[in-house]
Amino acid sequence: MNFDASLISELSKQLGRFVEIFTDSGLPISGVLYSVEDDMLGITQMTPGYGSMIPTMVPLSAVNAIRV
C-alpha cells in the first residue's frame, strides 16, 4: 500500500471529526471532515459570526499536515 492509499484509509476512519488541515497557502482550514475520495478531502467549515456552513474541497496534494 502506498502513502496516499494509507493516508486515505486512515482519514476515512476520521469522518465526522473536527480536523485542521494545513495547506501550501499556509492558512489552516478547520472544520468537520465529511468526505475522503478521489484524492480530495471534503470539510465543512463554520462561518464566524454567521453560523452558516461552507463545504470546502481540498486536494490531497496541497495538504502539508493534518491535526485531528
N, C-alpha and C. Protein backbone atom coordinates (compact mmCIF):
# COMPACT_ATOMS: atom_id res chain seq x y z
N MET A 1 0.85 -1.18 0.00
CA MET A 1 0.00 0.00 0.00
C MET A 1 0.89 1.24 0.00
N ASN A 2 0.62 2.18 -0.88
CA ASN A 2 1.43 3.39 -0.94
C ASN A 2 0.96 4.42 0.10
N PHE A 3 1.70 5.50 0.23
CA PHE A 3 1.41 6.50 1.26
C PHE A 3 0.03 7.13 1.07
N ASP A 4 -0.32 7.51 -0.16
CA ASP A 4 -1.63 8.14 -0.40
C ASP A 4 -2.76 7.22 -0.02
N ALA A 5 -2.65 5.96 -0.38
CA ALA A 5 -3.71 5.00 -0.07
C ALA A 5 -3.84 4.79 1.44
N SER A 6 -2.71 4.71 2.14
CA SER A 6 -2.79 4.52 3.59
C SER A 6 -3.31 5.78 4.29
N LEU A 7 -2.96 6.96 3.76
CA LEU A 7 -3.48 8.21 4.33
C LEU A 7 -4.98 8.30 4.14
N ILE A 8 -5.46 7.98 2.95
CA ILE A 8 -6.90 8.00 2.69
C ILE A 8 -7.62 6.99 3.58
N SER A 9 -7.02 5.83 3.76
CA SER A 9 -7.61 4.81 4.63
C SER A 9 -7.73 5.31 6.07
N GLU A 10 -6.68 5.94 6.58
CA GLU A 10 -6.70 6.46 7.95
C GLU A 10 -7.67 7.63 8.10
N LEU A 11 -7.70 8.51 7.10
CA LEU A 11 -8.61 9.65 7.17
C LEU A 11 -10.07 9.22 7.07
N SER A 12 -10.34 8.14 6.36
CA SER A 12 -11.70 7.63 6.27
C SER A 12 -12.24 7.23 7.64
N LYS A 13 -11.35 6.84 8.52
CA LYS A 13 -11.76 6.48 9.89
C LYS A 13 -12.09 7.71 10.73
N GLN A 14 -11.70 8.90 10.25
CA GLN A 14 -11.90 10.14 10.99
C GLN A 14 -13.11 10.94 10.49
N LEU A 15 -13.91 10.38 9.60
CA LEU A 15 -15.08 11.09 9.08
C LEU A 15 -15.98 11.51 10.23
N GLY A 16 -16.46 12.76 10.17
CA GLY A 16 -17.34 13.28 11.20
C GLY A 16 -16.61 13.95 12.35
N ARG A 17 -15.29 13.93 12.32
CA ARG A 17 -14.50 14.54 13.39
C ARG A 17 -13.96 15.90 12.95
N PHE A 18 -13.67 16.75 13.93
CA PHE A 18 -13.11 18.06 13.67
C PHE A 18 -11.64 17.90 13.30
N VAL A 19 -11.21 18.55 12.23
CA VAL A 19 -9.82 18.48 11.77
C VAL A 19 -9.31 19.88 11.43
N GLU A 20 -8.01 20.04 11.48
CA GLU A 20 -7.34 21.22 10.96
C GLU A 20 -6.40 20.74 9.87
N ILE A 21 -6.48 21.36 8.72
CA ILE A 21 -5.65 20.98 7.59
C ILE A 21 -4.78 22.17 7.23
N PHE A 22 -3.49 21.93 7.15
CA PHE A 22 -2.54 22.97 6.78
C PHE A 22 -2.12 22.72 5.34
N THR A 23 -2.28 23.73 4.50
CA THR A 23 -2.04 23.58 3.07
C THR A 23 -0.84 24.40 2.62
N ASP A 24 -0.59 24.36 1.33
CA ASP A 24 0.51 25.12 0.74
C ASP A 24 0.35 26.62 0.94
N SER A 25 -0.89 27.09 1.10
CA SER A 25 -1.13 28.53 1.27
C SER A 25 -0.69 29.02 2.64
N GLY A 26 -0.51 28.10 3.57
CA GLY A 26 -0.08 28.47 4.91
C GLY A 26 -1.22 28.75 5.86
N LEU A 27 -2.43 28.92 5.35
CA LEU A 27 -3.58 29.18 6.20
C LEU A 27 -4.26 27.85 6.56
N PRO A 28 -4.50 27.61 7.84
CA PRO A 28 -5.17 26.36 8.21
C PRO A 28 -6.65 26.40 7.82
N ILE A 29 -7.14 25.27 7.43
CA ILE A 29 -8.56 25.09 7.14
C ILE A 29 -9.09 24.17 8.22
N SER A 30 -10.05 24.63 8.99
CA SER A 30 -10.57 23.80 10.07
C SER A 30 -12.06 23.60 9.89
N GLY A 31 -12.51 22.41 10.27
CA GLY A 31 -13.92 22.07 10.17
C GLY A 31 -14.10 20.57 10.35
N VAL A 32 -15.27 20.11 10.01
CA VAL A 32 -15.61 18.69 10.16
C VAL A 32 -15.33 17.97 8.84
N LEU A 33 -14.56 16.91 8.93
CA LEU A 33 -14.23 16.11 7.75
C LEU A 33 -15.46 15.27 7.37
N TYR A 34 -15.98 15.47 6.15
CA TYR A 34 -17.17 14.72 5.73
C TYR A 34 -16.93 13.82 4.53
N SER A 35 -15.79 13.97 3.84
CA SER A 35 -15.58 13.18 2.64
C SER A 35 -14.09 12.99 2.38
N VAL A 36 -13.73 11.77 1.98
CA VAL A 36 -12.37 11.47 1.55
C VAL A 36 -12.50 10.57 0.33
N GLU A 37 -12.35 11.17 -0.85
CA GLU A 37 -12.48 10.38 -2.08
C GLU A 37 -11.82 11.08 -3.24
N ASP A 38 -11.36 10.31 -4.19
CA ASP A 38 -10.74 10.82 -5.41
C ASP A 38 -9.64 11.83 -5.12
N ASP A 39 -8.82 11.56 -4.12
CA ASP A 39 -7.72 12.45 -3.72
C ASP A 39 -8.17 13.85 -3.33
N MET A 40 -9.41 13.96 -2.83
CA MET A 40 -9.95 15.22 -2.33
C MET A 40 -10.50 15.01 -0.93
N LEU A 41 -10.28 16.01 -0.07
CA LEU A 41 -10.84 15.99 1.27
C LEU A 41 -11.99 16.98 1.33
N GLY A 42 -13.14 16.54 1.82
CA GLY A 42 -14.29 17.43 1.97
C GLY A 42 -14.41 17.84 3.43
N ILE A 43 -14.46 19.16 3.66
CA ILE A 43 -14.53 19.69 5.02
C ILE A 43 -15.68 20.68 5.08
N THR A 44 -16.44 20.65 6.16
CA THR A 44 -17.49 21.64 6.39
C THR A 44 -16.94 22.67 7.36
N GLN A 45 -16.83 23.91 6.89
CA GLN A 45 -16.32 24.99 7.73
C GLN A 45 -17.48 25.82 8.26
N MET A 46 -17.32 26.36 9.48
CA MET A 46 -18.29 27.29 10.05
C MET A 46 -17.86 28.71 9.71
N THR A 47 -18.81 29.56 9.34
CA THR A 47 -18.52 30.96 9.09
C THR A 47 -18.66 31.71 10.41
N PRO A 48 -17.58 32.30 10.92
CA PRO A 48 -17.66 33.02 12.20
C PRO A 48 -18.68 34.15 12.15
N GLY A 49 -19.52 34.21 13.17
CA GLY A 49 -20.49 35.28 13.28
C GLY A 49 -21.79 35.03 12.55
N TYR A 50 -21.79 34.13 11.58
CA TYR A 50 -23.00 33.88 10.81
C TYR A 50 -23.61 32.51 11.10
N GLY A 51 -22.81 31.58 11.55
CA GLY A 51 -23.31 30.25 11.87
C GLY A 51 -23.63 29.40 10.66
N SER A 52 -23.29 29.86 9.47
CA SER A 52 -23.57 29.05 8.29
C SER A 52 -22.41 28.10 8.01
N MET A 53 -22.71 27.05 7.30
CA MET A 53 -21.72 26.02 6.97
C MET A 53 -21.28 26.19 5.53
N ILE A 54 -19.96 26.09 5.31
CA ILE A 54 -19.41 26.20 3.97
C ILE A 54 -18.69 24.90 3.62
N PRO A 55 -19.20 24.15 2.65
CA PRO A 55 -18.47 22.95 2.23
C PRO A 55 -17.22 23.35 1.44
N THR A 56 -16.10 22.74 1.77
CA THR A 56 -14.82 23.06 1.14
C THR A 56 -14.14 21.78 0.70
N MET A 57 -13.65 21.77 -0.53
CA MET A 57 -12.90 20.63 -1.03
C MET A 57 -11.43 21.01 -1.11
N VAL A 58 -10.56 20.16 -0.57
CA VAL A 58 -9.13 20.41 -0.56
C VAL A 58 -8.43 19.25 -1.27
N PRO A 59 -7.62 19.52 -2.29
CA PRO A 59 -6.89 18.43 -2.93
C PRO A 59 -5.83 17.86 -1.99
N LEU A 60 -5.73 16.57 -1.94
CA LEU A 60 -4.78 15.89 -1.06
C LEU A 60 -3.35 16.32 -1.37
N SER A 61 -3.07 16.66 -2.61
CA SER A 61 -1.72 17.06 -3.00
C SER A 61 -1.31 18.40 -2.39
N ALA A 62 -2.28 19.21 -1.94
CA ALA A 62 -1.97 20.52 -1.35
C ALA A 62 -1.81 20.45 0.16
N VAL A 63 -2.06 19.29 0.76
CA VAL A 63 -2.03 19.13 2.21
C VAL A 63 -0.59 18.92 2.69
N ASN A 64 -0.20 19.74 3.68
CA ASN A 64 1.12 19.59 4.29
C ASN A 64 1.04 18.86 5.63
N ALA A 65 -0.03 19.13 6.40
CA ALA A 65 -0.20 18.50 7.71
C ALA A 65 -1.67 18.46 8.06
N ILE A 66 -2.04 17.49 8.90
CA ILE A 66 -3.43 17.34 9.35
C ILE A 66 -3.40 17.12 10.85
N ARG A 67 -4.23 17.88 11.55
CA ARG A 67 -4.38 17.68 13.01
C ARG A 67 -5.81 17.24 13.26
N VAL A 68 -5.98 16.10 13.92
CA VAL A 68 -7.30 15.57 14.23
C VAL A 68 -7.58 15.80 15.70
